[in-house]
């Protein structure tokens, strides 16, 4: 089964004030580069990053990596438009959606979802979940639902499609990483404090 990772990094980072959360330092490199390297190291066949056209530093942070970059010209139209932009021209049998502001998802987590997809060929969606079974990310969606994804609008991302196909979704436990995103300066402060303990 061929799989493309869509690293969604096309948002405005509006809740961070003047800071771009995807350019925050993580282990000496910007978060977006760290996330891209995590994706590239996985068993996926290709990695594509979706970026906004008005944040050139994000593209610069990805220089030298084996990654395909597309630009979300409708960044103001929400997460759904970013996802639709990423799907253009994708010919794989599935996509694995990874949000660039989830810092704790590892390459092993990505490969665990990919491995589960191969073990559950009838499931159209597979999702990372926390230890309590709460669904989160990453999200693997098979080609049969690509057209549904391309019809999405607004800032809901893939949620309408995920809800519609809840009955044929397999949850893959990866722990708290499935739900942990960093949207605000306070989120970053808390997360960094945890990294030091």
C-alpha atoms as a PDB file:
ATOM      1  CA  UNK A   1       0.000   0.000   0.000  1.00  0.00           C
ATOM      2  CA  UNK A   2       1.464   3.338  -1.055  1.00  0.00           C
ATOM      3  CA  UNK A   3       1.125   6.198   1.435  1.00  0.00           C
ATOM      4  CA  UNK A   4       1.822   9.919   1.229  1.00  0.00           C
ATOM      5  CA  UNK A   5       2.187  11.973   4.382  1.00  0.00           C
ATOM      6  CA  UNK A   6       0.520  15.373   4.260  1.00  0.00           C
ATOM      7  CA  UNK A   7       2.261  17.627   6.771  1.00  0.00           C
ATOM      8  CA  UNK A   8      -0.258  20.407   7.221  1.00  0.00           C
ATOM      9  CA  UNK A   9       1.602  23.623   7.983  1.00  0.00           C
ATOM     10  CA  UNK A  10      -0.534  26.098   6.082  1.00  0.00           C
ATOM     11  CA  UNK A  11      -2.194  27.915   8.967  1.00  0.00           C
ATOM     12  CA  UNK A  12      -1.717  31.493  10.111  1.00  0.00           C
ATOM     13  CA  UNK A  13      -0.553  30.712  13.688  1.00  0.00           C
ATOM     14  CA  UNK A  14      -2.846  33.522  14.800  1.00  0.00           C
ATOM     15  CA  UNK A  15      -3.072  32.527  18.474  1.00  0.00           C
ATOM     16  CA  UNK A  16       0.665  33.013  18.954  1.00  0.00           C
ATOM     17  CA  UNK A  17       0.566  36.796  18.597  1.00  0.00           C
ATOM     18  CA  UNK A  18       3.633  37.983  16.678  1.00  0.00           C
ATOM     19  CA  UNK A  19       5.367  34.593  16.908  1.00  0.00           C
ATOM     20  CA  UNK A  20       5.107  31.785  14.359  1.00  0.00           C
ATOM     21  CA  UNK A  21       4.628  28.573  16.332  1.00  0.00           C
ATOM     22  CA  UNK A  22       6.071  26.443  13.548  1.00  0.00           C
ATOM     23  CA  UNK A  23       9.326  28.412  13.721  1.00  0.00           C
ATOM     24  CA  UNK A  24       9.710  27.875  17.481  1.00  0.00           C
ATOM     25  CA  UNK A  25      13.012  26.245  18.455  1.00  0.00           C
ATOM     26  CA  UNK A  26      12.798  22.529  19.203  1.00  0.00           C
ATOM     27  CA  UNK A  27      16.103  20.828  19.851  1.00  0.00           C
ATOM     28  CA  UNK A  28      18.006  23.530  17.981  1.00  0.00           C
ATOM     29  CA  UNK A  29      15.858  23.570  14.838  1.00  0.00           C
ATOM     30  CA  UNK A  30      12.459  25.043  13.944  1.00  0.00           C
ATOM     31  CA  UNK A  31       9.459  22.880  14.873  1.00  0.00           C
ATOM     32  CA  UNK A  32       8.377  22.590  11.220  1.00  0.00           C
ATOM     33  CA  UNK A  33      11.752  21.116  10.216  1.00  0.00           C
ATOM     34  CA  UNK A  34      11.730  18.747  13.170  1.00  0.00           C
ATOM     35  CA  UNK A  35       8.227  17.571  12.224  1.00  0.00           C
ATOM     36  CA  UNK A  36       9.247  17.141   8.577  1.00  0.00           C
ATOM     37  CA  UNK A  37      12.296  15.062   9.542  1.00  0.00           C
ATOM     38  CA  UNK A  38      10.068  12.870  11.719  1.00  0.00           C
ATOM     39  CA  UNK A  39       7.790  12.261   8.723  1.00  0.00           C
ATOM     40  CA  UNK A  40      10.626  11.614   6.273  1.00  0.00           C
ATOM     41  CA  UNK A  41      12.111   8.971   8.595  1.00  0.00           C
ATOM     42  CA  UNK A  42       8.842   7.003   8.528  1.00  0.00           C
ATOM     43  CA  UNK A  43       7.944   4.157   6.159  1.00  0.00           C
ATOM     44  CA  UNK A  44       5.661   6.402   4.074  1.00  0.00           C
ATOM     45  CA  UNK A  45       6.419   6.607   0.352  1.00  0.00           C
ATOM     46  CA  UNK A  46       6.459  10.382   0.103  1.00  0.00           C
ATOM     47  CA  UNK A  47       6.101  13.460   2.295  1.00  0.00           C
ATOM     48  CA  UNK A  48       4.382  16.657   1.228  1.00  0.00           C
ATOM     49  CA  UNK A  49       4.240  19.848   3.273  1.00  0.00           C
ATOM     50  CA  UNK A  50       1.420  22.330   2.783  1.00  0.00           C
ATOM     51  CA  UNK A  51       2.629  25.865   3.497  1.00  0.00           C
ATOM     52  CA  UNK A  52       1.084  29.342   3.366  1.00  0.00           C
ATOM     53  CA  UNK A  53       2.564  31.580   0.656  1.00  0.00           C
ATOM     54  CA  UNK A  54       3.079  34.521   3.036  1.00  0.00           C
ATOM     55  CA  UNK A  55       5.440  32.802   5.505  1.00  0.00           C
ATOM     56  CA  UNK A  56       8.669  32.212   3.540  1.00  0.00           C
ATOM     57  CA  UNK A  57      10.649  31.258   6.653  1.00  0.00           C
ATOM     58  CA  UNK A  58       8.697  28.001   6.844  1.00  0.00           C
ATOM     59  CA  UNK A  59       9.827  27.033   3.347  1.00  0.00           C
ATOM     60  CA  UNK A  60      13.406  28.069   4.164  1.00  0.00           C
ATOM     61  CA  UNK A  61      13.315  25.842   7.251  1.00  0.00           C
ATOM     62  CA  UNK A  62      12.617  22.834   5.006  1.00  0.00           C
ATOM     63  CA  UNK A  63      15.488  23.446   2.578  1.00  0.00           C
ATOM     64  CA  UNK A  64      17.619  20.402   1.838  1.00  0.00           C
ATOM     65  CA  UNK A  65      14.984  17.892   2.938  1.00  0.00           C
ATOM     66  CA  UNK A  66      13.450  15.239   0.674  1.00  0.00           C
ATOM     67  CA  UNK A  67      10.006  16.791   0.824  1.00  0.00           C
ATOM     68  CA  UNK A  68       7.485  18.069  -1.685  1.00  0.00           C
ATOM     69  CA  UNK A  69       6.138  21.558  -0.925  1.00  0.00           C
ATOM     70  CA  UNK A  70       2.794  22.935  -2.067  1.00  0.00           C
ATOM     71  CA  UNK A  71       1.319  26.295  -1.145  1.00  0.00           C
ATOM     72  CA  UNK A  72      -2.107  26.848   0.305  1.00  0.00           C
ATOM     73  CA  UNK A  73      -3.243  29.977  -1.487  1.00  0.00           C
ATOM     74  CA  UNK A  74      -6.428  29.997   0.593  1.00  0.00           C
ATOM     75  CA  UNK A  75      -4.846  29.892   4.061  1.00  0.00           C
ATOM     76  CA  UNK A  76      -7.510  32.278   5.361  1.00  0.00           C
ATOM     77  CA  UNK A  77     -10.198  29.777   4.319  1.00  0.00           C
ATOM     78  CA  UNK A  78      -9.249  27.367   7.096  1.00  0.00           C
ATOM     79  CA  UNK A  79      -7.777  23.919   7.648  1.00  0.00           C
ATOM     80  CA  UNK A  80     -10.047  22.238   5.106  1.00  0.00           C
ATOM     81  CA  UNK A  81      -8.539  24.313   2.291  1.00  0.00           C
ATOM     82  CA  UNK A  82      -5.038  23.386   3.449  1.00  0.00           C
ATOM     83  CA  UNK A  83      -5.996  19.713   3.275  1.00  0.00           C
ATOM     84  CA  UNK A  84      -7.542  20.114  -0.174  1.00  0.00           C
ATOM     85  CA  UNK A  85      -4.397  21.869  -1.420  1.00  0.00           C
ATOM     86  CA  UNK A  86      -2.290  18.995  -0.176  1.00  0.00           C
ATOM     87  CA  UNK A  87      -4.350  16.393  -2.000  1.00  0.00           C
ATOM     88  CA  UNK A  88      -3.893  17.909  -5.456  1.00  0.00           C
ATOM     89  CA  UNK A  89      -2.030  15.422  -7.641  1.00  0.00           C
ATOM     90  CA  UNK A  90      -1.612  12.798  -4.911  1.00  0.00           C
ATOM     91  CA  UNK A  91      -1.721   9.326  -6.496  1.00  0.00           C
ATOM     92  CA  UNK A  92      -1.039   7.083  -3.494  1.00  0.00           C
ATOM     93  CA  UNK A  93      -3.510   4.584  -2.031  1.00  0.00           C
ATOM     94  CA  UNK A  94      -3.777   6.533   1.216  1.00  0.00           C
ATOM     95  CA  UNK A  95      -2.701   9.741   2.893  1.00  0.00           C
ATOM     96  CA  UNK A  96      -1.458  10.110   6.448  1.00  0.00           C
ATOM     97  CA  UNK A  97      -2.423  13.548   7.744  1.00  0.00           C
ATOM     98  CA  UNK A  98       0.044  15.018  10.237  1.00  0.00           C
ATOM     99  CA  UNK A  99      -0.509  18.417  11.854  1.00  0.00           C
ATOM    100  CA  UNK A 100       2.739  20.361  12.147  1.00  0.00           C
ATOM    101  CA  UNK A 101       1.931  21.722  15.612  1.00  0.00           C
ATOM    102  CA  UNK A 102       1.769  18.330  17.339  1.00  0.00           C
ATOM    103  CA  UNK A 103       5.332  18.109  18.713  1.00  0.00           C
ATOM    104  CA  UNK A 104       5.288  14.738  20.464  1.00  0.00           C
ATOM    105  CA  UNK A 105       4.298  12.404  17.621  1.00  0.00           C
ATOM    106  CA  UNK A 106       7.301  10.252  16.745  1.00  0.00           C
ATOM    107  CA  UNK A 107       8.356   8.353  13.643  1.00  0.00           C
ATOM    108  CA  UNK A 108       7.459   5.160  15.538  1.00  0.00           C
ATOM    109  CA  UNK A 109       3.929   6.532  16.067  1.00  0.00           C
ATOM    110  CA  UNK A 110       3.552   7.224  12.351  1.00  0.00           C
ATOM    111  CA  UNK A 111       4.802   3.758  11.459  1.00  0.00           C
ATOM    112  CA  UNK A 112       2.442   2.199  14.016  1.00  0.00           C
ATOM    113  CA  UNK A 113      -0.539   3.755  12.221  1.00  0.00           C
ATOM    114  CA  UNK A 114       0.826   2.720   8.817  1.00  0.00           C
ATOM    115  CA  UNK A 115       1.370  -0.850  10.040  1.00  0.00           C
ATOM    116  CA  UNK A 116      -2.171  -0.943  11.450  1.00  0.00           C
ATOM    117  CA  UNK A 117      -3.559   0.202   8.096  1.00  0.00           C
ATOM    118  CA  UNK A 118      -1.901  -2.751   6.396  1.00  0.00           C
ATOM    119  CA  UNK A 119      -3.301  -5.085   9.063  1.00  0.00           C
ATOM    120  CA  UNK A 120      -6.847  -3.670   8.668  1.00  0.00           C
ATOM    121  CA  UNK A 121      -7.391  -3.421   4.901  1.00  0.00           C
ATOM    122  CA  UNK A 122     -11.162  -2.879   5.242  1.00  0.00           C
ATOM    123  CA  UNK A 123     -10.847   0.165   7.509  1.00  0.00           C
ATOM    124  CA  UNK A 124     -11.073   3.355   5.469  1.00  0.00           C
ATOM    125  CA  UNK A 125      -9.707   5.493   8.320  1.00  0.00           C
ATOM    126  CA  UNK A 126      -7.131   4.837  11.030  1.00  0.00           C
ATOM    127  CA  UNK A 127      -6.447   7.348  13.787  1.00  0.00           C
ATOM    128  CA  UNK A 128      -3.920   7.770  16.526  1.00  0.00           C
ATOM    129  CA  UNK A 129      -5.563   7.726  19.951  1.00  0.00           C
ATOM    130  CA  UNK A 130      -4.582   8.404  23.536  1.00  0.00           C
ATOM    131  CA  UNK A 131      -4.519   5.768  26.258  1.00  0.00           C
ATOM    132  CA  UNK A 132      -8.224   6.265  26.974  1.00  0.00           C
ATOM    133  CA  UNK A 133      -9.255   5.643  23.379  1.00  0.00           C
ATOM    134  CA  UNK A 134      -9.868   9.287  22.506  1.00  0.00           C
ATOM    135  CA  UNK A 135      -9.256   9.759  18.787  1.00  0.00           C
ATOM    136  CA  UNK A 136      -6.651  12.237  17.630  1.00  0.00           C
ATOM    137  CA  UNK A 137      -3.748  12.305  15.177  1.00  0.00           C
ATOM    138  CA  UNK A 138      -2.171  11.237  12.921  1.00  0.00           C
ATOM    139  CA  UNK A 139      -5.055  10.295  10.630  1.00  0.00           C
ATOM    140  CA  UNK A 140      -4.720   7.834   7.755  1.00  0.00           C
ATOM    141  CA  UNK A 141      -7.418   8.036   5.081  1.00  0.00           C
ATOM    142  CA  UNK A 142      -7.680   5.707   2.116  1.00  0.00           C
ATOM    143  CA  UNK A 143      -8.097   6.825  -1.492  1.00  0.00           C
ATOM    144  CA  UNK A 144     -11.806   5.932  -1.550  1.00  0.00           C
ATOM    145  CA  UNK A 145     -12.469   9.043   0.541  1.00  0.00           C
ATOM    146  CA  UNK A 146     -10.203  11.500  -1.297  1.00  0.00           C
ATOM    147  CA  UNK A 147     -13.105  12.994  -3.255  1.00  0.00           C
ATOM    148  CA  UNK A 148     -15.037  13.527  -0.017  1.00  0.00           C
ATOM    149  CA  UNK A 149     -12.035  15.361   1.428  1.00  0.00           C
ATOM    150  CA  UNK A 150     -11.817  17.593  -1.636  1.00  0.00           C
ATOM    151  CA  UNK A 151     -15.382  18.812  -1.022  1.00  0.00           C
ATOM    152  CA  UNK A 152     -14.651  20.079   2.492  1.00  0.00           C
ATOM    153  CA  UNK A 153     -14.844  23.757   3.405  1.00  0.00           C
ATOM    154  CA  UNK A 154     -14.130  25.909   6.454  1.00  0.00           C
ATOM    155  CA  UNK A 155     -11.817  25.355   9.412  1.00  0.00           C
ATOM    156  CA  UNK A 156     -13.055  21.882  10.343  1.00  0.00           C
ATOM    157  CA  UNK A 157     -10.274  19.969   8.601  1.00  0.00           C
ATOM    158  CA  UNK A 158     -11.313  16.380   7.880  1.00  0.00           C
ATOM    159  CA  UNK A 159     -13.753  16.226  10.803  1.00  0.00           C
ATOM    160  CA  UNK A 160     -17.001  15.897   8.749  1.00  0.00           C
ATOM    161  CA  UNK A 161     -15.556  12.928   6.847  1.00  0.00           C
ATOM    162  CA  UNK A 162     -14.172  11.381  10.036  1.00  0.00           C
ATOM    163  CA  UNK A 163     -17.573  11.610  11.731  1.00  0.00           C
ATOM    164  CA  UNK A 164     -19.353  10.135   8.723  1.00  0.00           C
ATOM    165  CA  UNK A 165     -17.049   7.104   8.684  1.00  0.00           C
ATOM    166  CA  UNK A 166     -16.673   6.541  12.412  1.00  0.00           C
ATOM    167  CA  UNK A 167     -18.011   2.988  12.095  1.00  0.00           C
ATOM    168  CA  UNK A 168     -15.184   1.902   9.796  1.00  0.00           C
ATOM    169  CA  UNK A 169     -12.412   3.675  11.700  1.00  0.00           C
ATOM    170  CA  UNK A 170      -9.690   1.835  13.604  1.00  0.00           C
ATOM    171  CA  UNK A 171      -8.088   3.602  16.565  1.00  0.00           C
ATOM    172  CA  UNK A 172      -4.368   3.055  17.078  1.00  0.00           C
ATOM    173  CA  UNK A 173      -3.152   3.783  20.638  1.00  0.00           C
ATOM    174  CA  UNK A 174      -0.065   6.004  20.659  1.00  0.00           C
ATOM    175  CA  UNK A 175      -0.603   7.868  23.931  1.00  0.00           C
ATOM    176  CA  UNK A 176      -0.918  11.560  24.787  1.00  0.00           C
ATOM    177  CA  UNK A 177       1.029  12.594  21.665  1.00  0.00           C
ATOM    178  CA  UNK A 178      -2.149  11.995  19.652  1.00  0.00           C
ATOM    179  CA  UNK A 179      -3.844  15.008  21.234  1.00  0.00           C
ATOM    180  CA  UNK A 180      -1.070  17.384  22.298  1.00  0.00           C
ATOM    181  CA  UNK A 181      -0.870  20.513  20.118  1.00  0.00           C
ATOM    182  CA  UNK A 182       0.840  23.817  20.846  1.00  0.00           C
ATOM    183  CA  UNK A 183      -1.299  26.771  19.796  1.00  0.00           C
ATOM    184  CA  UNK A 184      -0.479  29.521  22.298  1.00  0.00           C
ATOM    185  CA  UNK A 185       2.594  30.932  24.101  1.00  0.00           C
ATOM    186  CA  UNK A 186       1.202  29.360  27.282  1.00  0.00           C
ATOM    187  CA  UNK A 187       1.066  25.940  25.598  1.00  0.00           C
ATOM    188  CA  UNK A 188       4.709  26.302  24.604  1.00  0.00           C
ATOM    189  CA  UNK A 189       5.785  27.401  28.082  1.00  0.00           C
ATOM    190  CA  UNK A 190       4.097  24.394  29.685  1.00  0.00           C
ATOM    191  CA  UNK A 191       5.479  21.972  27.101  1.00  0.00           C
ATOM    192  CA  UNK A 192       9.033  23.267  27.424  1.00  0.00           C
ATOM    193  CA  UNK A 193       8.859  22.999  31.209  1.00  0.00           C
ATOM    194  CA  UNK A 194       7.806  19.355  30.835  1.00  0.00           C
ATOM    195  CA  UNK A 195      10.733  18.631  28.502  1.00  0.00           C
ATOM    196  CA  UNK A 196      13.167  19.677  31.229  1.00  0.00           C
ATOM    197  CA  UNK A 197      11.767  17.301  33.855  1.00  0.00           C
END
